[in-house]
Amino acid sequence: MPYALFDRDRQIDQAFPTENQAWEHALVSGLILDVPVADDAASEGLPSGYHMKLVSYDGELLDPAPGLTQSKRNS
């Protein structure tokens, strides 16, 4: 199942095959300033209400931008 970025209950970005790819696209696209880290309760780069979740998607999934293979987390 694919993942997409949401602002509360509204999907605000495209769906991607993995959660990592969806976070990377949101970062590169400027939708977020930083990718949240698992042990960081509130990332400064993530606006309030933003979260990633599984979506049902019948269309074609997008591949990540060329060159993106690992999360670009700012620690």
N, C-alpha and C. Protein backbone atom coordinates (compact mmCIF):
# COMPACT_ATOMS: atom_id res chain seq x y z
N MET A 1 0.85 -1.19 0.00
CA MET A 1 0.00 0.00 0.00
C MET A 1 0.89 1.24 0.00
N PRO A 2 0.50 2.25 -0.73
CA PRO A 2 1.30 3.47 -0.83
C PRO A 2 1.08 4.43 0.35
N TYR A 3 1.99 5.38 0.46
CA TYR A 3 1.95 6.41 1.50
C TYR A 3 1.82 7.79 0.86
N ALA A 4 1.18 8.70 1.59
CA ALA A 4 1.07 10.09 1.14
C ALA A 4 1.08 11.00 2.36
N LEU A 5 1.48 12.26 2.13
CA LEU A 5 1.51 13.27 3.18
C LEU A 5 0.13 13.90 3.32
N PHE A 6 -0.29 14.06 4.57
CA PHE A 6 -1.59 14.64 4.87
C PHE A 6 -1.44 15.85 5.79
N ASP A 7 -2.35 16.80 5.64
CA ASP A 7 -2.52 17.90 6.58
C ASP A 7 -3.85 17.63 7.24
N ARG A 8 -3.79 17.12 8.46
CA ARG A 8 -4.95 16.63 9.19
C ARG A 8 -5.62 15.52 8.39
N ASP A 9 -6.78 15.73 7.79
CA ASP A 9 -7.47 14.68 7.03
C ASP A 9 -7.37 14.84 5.52
N ARG A 10 -6.65 15.85 5.05
CA ARG A 10 -6.59 16.15 3.62
C ARG A 10 -5.23 15.74 3.05
N GLN A 11 -5.25 14.91 1.99
CA GLN A 11 -4.02 14.50 1.32
C GLN A 11 -3.46 15.69 0.56
N ILE A 12 -2.19 16.04 0.80
CA ILE A 12 -1.60 17.21 0.17
C ILE A 12 -0.44 16.89 -0.77
N ASP A 13 -0.11 15.63 -0.93
CA ASP A 13 0.95 15.25 -1.86
C ASP A 13 0.58 13.95 -2.54
N GLN A 14 1.36 13.59 -3.53
CA GLN A 14 1.12 12.38 -4.30
C GLN A 14 1.44 11.15 -3.46
N ALA A 15 0.92 10.00 -3.89
CA ALA A 15 1.20 8.74 -3.21
C ALA A 15 2.46 8.10 -3.78
N PHE A 16 3.25 7.49 -2.89
CA PHE A 16 4.48 6.82 -3.27
C PHE A 16 4.49 5.41 -2.69
N PRO A 17 5.25 4.49 -3.32
CA PRO A 17 5.24 3.09 -2.87
C PRO A 17 5.71 2.88 -1.43
N THR A 18 6.63 3.72 -0.94
CA THR A 18 7.11 3.55 0.42
C THR A 18 6.98 4.87 1.19
N GLU A 19 6.96 4.75 2.51
CA GLU A 19 6.88 5.95 3.36
C GLU A 19 8.13 6.80 3.19
N ASN A 20 9.29 6.17 3.08
CA ASN A 20 10.54 6.90 2.90
C ASN A 20 10.51 7.74 1.62
N GLN A 21 10.03 7.17 0.54
CA GLN A 21 9.95 7.90 -0.72
C GLN A 21 8.98 9.07 -0.62
N ALA A 22 7.88 8.87 0.09
CA ALA A 22 6.90 9.95 0.26
C ALA A 22 7.49 11.10 1.07
N TRP A 23 8.24 10.78 2.16
CA TRP A 23 8.89 11.84 2.95
C TRP A 23 9.92 12.57 2.11
N GLU A 24 10.73 11.83 1.34
CA GLU A 24 11.75 12.45 0.51
C GLU A 24 11.14 13.41 -0.50
N HIS A 25 10.04 13.00 -1.15
CA HIS A 25 9.39 13.86 -2.13
C HIS A 25 8.84 15.12 -1.47
N ALA A 26 8.25 14.98 -0.30
CA ALA A 26 7.71 16.15 0.41
C ALA A 26 8.83 17.12 0.77
N LEU A 27 9.98 16.59 1.13
CA LEU A 27 11.14 17.42 1.47
C LEU A 27 11.68 18.14 0.24
N VAL A 28 11.91 17.41 -0.83
CA VAL A 28 12.45 17.99 -2.06
C VAL A 28 11.47 18.99 -2.67
N SER A 29 10.18 18.73 -2.53
CA SER A 29 9.15 19.61 -3.10
C SER A 29 8.92 20.87 -2.27
N GLY A 30 9.50 20.93 -1.08
CA GLY A 30 9.34 22.10 -0.24
C GLY A 30 8.09 22.08 0.62
N LEU A 31 7.40 20.95 0.69
CA LEU A 31 6.21 20.87 1.53
C LEU A 31 6.58 20.82 3.01
N ILE A 32 7.77 20.30 3.30
CA ILE A 32 8.28 20.26 4.67
C ILE A 32 9.73 20.71 4.66
N LEU A 33 10.24 21.11 5.81
CA LEU A 33 11.61 21.58 5.91
C LEU A 33 12.57 20.52 6.44
N ASP A 34 12.02 19.50 7.07
CA ASP A 34 12.84 18.45 7.66
C ASP A 34 11.99 17.19 7.76
N VAL A 35 12.63 16.05 7.68
CA VAL A 35 11.94 14.78 7.84
C VAL A 35 11.97 14.43 9.32
N PRO A 36 10.83 14.11 9.92
CA PRO A 36 10.82 13.79 11.35
C PRO A 36 11.62 12.53 11.64
N VAL A 37 12.23 12.51 12.81
CA VAL A 37 13.00 11.37 13.28
C VAL A 37 12.15 10.62 14.29
N ALA A 38 12.25 9.31 14.29
CA ALA A 38 11.38 8.48 15.13
C ALA A 38 11.40 8.88 16.60
N ASP A 39 12.57 9.26 17.13
CA ASP A 39 12.63 9.60 18.55
C ASP A 39 12.40 11.08 18.83
N ASP A 40 12.07 11.85 17.80
CA ASP A 40 11.82 13.29 17.93
C ASP A 40 10.32 13.52 17.90
N ALA A 41 9.72 13.84 19.04
CA ALA A 41 8.26 13.98 19.14
C ALA A 41 7.70 15.07 18.24
N ALA A 42 8.41 16.19 18.10
CA ALA A 42 7.91 17.30 17.28
C ALA A 42 9.06 17.88 16.47
N SER A 43 9.08 17.57 15.19
CA SER A 43 10.14 18.08 14.32
C SER A 43 9.85 19.54 13.97
N GLU A 44 10.86 20.37 14.01
CA GLU A 44 10.68 21.79 13.69
C GLU A 44 10.33 21.99 12.22
N GLY A 45 10.70 21.06 11.35
CA GLY A 45 10.43 21.20 9.93
C GLY A 45 9.08 20.70 9.50
N LEU A 46 8.31 20.16 10.41
CA LEU A 46 7.02 19.59 10.08
C LEU A 46 5.89 20.44 10.65
N PRO A 47 5.10 21.07 9.77
CA PRO A 47 3.99 21.90 10.26
C PRO A 47 2.99 21.09 11.09
N SER A 48 2.34 21.76 12.00
CA SER A 48 1.34 21.14 12.86
C SER A 48 0.25 20.49 12.01
N GLY A 49 -0.11 19.27 12.35
CA GLY A 49 -1.17 18.57 11.64
C GLY A 49 -0.67 17.71 10.49
N TYR A 50 0.58 17.87 10.07
CA TYR A 50 1.12 17.08 8.96
C TYR A 50 1.50 15.70 9.46
N HIS A 51 1.18 14.69 8.68
CA HIS A 51 1.56 13.32 9.00
C HIS A 51 1.52 12.47 7.74
N MET A 52 2.20 11.36 7.80
CA MET A 52 2.24 10.42 6.68
C MET A 52 1.34 9.25 7.03
N LYS A 53 0.58 8.78 6.04
CA LYS A 53 -0.23 7.60 6.32
C LYS A 53 -0.46 6.81 5.04
N LEU A 54 -0.86 5.56 5.24
CA LEU A 54 -1.19 4.68 4.13
C LEU A 54 -2.44 5.19 3.42
N VAL A 55 -2.44 5.06 2.11
CA VAL A 55 -3.61 5.45 1.34
C VAL A 55 -3.98 4.32 0.39
N SER A 56 -5.24 4.25 0.04
CA SER A 56 -5.64 3.32 -1.02
C SER A 56 -5.55 4.10 -2.32
N TYR A 57 -4.93 3.51 -3.29
CA TYR A 57 -4.63 4.23 -4.53
C TYR A 57 -4.76 3.27 -5.69
N ASP A 58 -5.64 3.57 -6.64
CA ASP A 58 -5.88 2.69 -7.77
C ASP A 58 -5.03 3.03 -8.99
N GLY A 59 -4.46 4.22 -9.01
CA GLY A 59 -3.68 4.67 -10.17
C GLY A 59 -2.25 4.22 -10.12
N GLU A 60 -1.46 4.79 -11.00
CA GLU A 60 -0.04 4.46 -11.07
C GLU A 60 0.73 5.20 -9.98
N LEU A 61 1.58 4.49 -9.27
CA LEU A 61 2.39 5.10 -8.23
C LEU A 61 3.60 5.78 -8.86
N LEU A 62 4.04 6.86 -8.24
CA LEU A 62 5.18 7.60 -8.75
C LEU A 62 6.47 7.06 -8.18
N ASP A 63 7.52 7.12 -8.97
CA ASP A 63 8.86 6.78 -8.50
C ASP A 63 9.45 8.01 -7.84
N PRO A 64 10.38 7.82 -6.91
CA PRO A 64 11.01 8.99 -6.29
C PRO A 64 11.82 9.76 -7.32
N ALA A 65 12.12 11.01 -7.01
CA ALA A 65 12.93 11.82 -7.90
C ALA A 65 14.27 11.14 -8.14
N PRO A 66 14.85 11.29 -9.33
CA PRO A 66 16.14 10.65 -9.60
C PRO A 66 17.19 11.05 -8.57
N GLY A 67 17.97 10.07 -8.15
CA GLY A 67 19.04 10.34 -7.19
C GLY A 67 18.62 10.22 -5.75
N LEU A 68 17.35 10.09 -5.46
CA LEU A 68 16.89 9.96 -4.08
C LEU A 68 16.76 8.49 -3.74
N THR A 69 17.60 8.04 -2.82
CA THR A 69 17.51 6.66 -2.41
C THR A 69 17.52 6.52 -0.90
N GLN A 70 17.99 7.53 -0.18
CA GLN A 70 18.03 7.48 1.26
C GLN A 70 17.40 8.74 1.83
N SER A 71 16.86 8.63 3.00
CA SER A 71 16.26 9.79 3.67
C SER A 71 17.31 10.84 3.94
N LYS A 72 16.94 12.11 3.75
CA LYS A 72 17.85 13.23 4.01
C LYS A 72 17.43 13.90 5.29
N ARG A 73 17.73 13.28 6.40
CA ARG A 73 17.34 13.81 7.70
C ARG A 73 18.38 14.79 8.19
N ASN A 74 17.91 15.91 8.66
CA ASN A 74 18.80 16.90 9.26
C ASN A 74 18.81 16.67 10.76
N SER A 75 19.95 16.24 11.28
CA SER A 75 20.03 15.95 12.70
C SER A 75 20.59 17.13 13.44
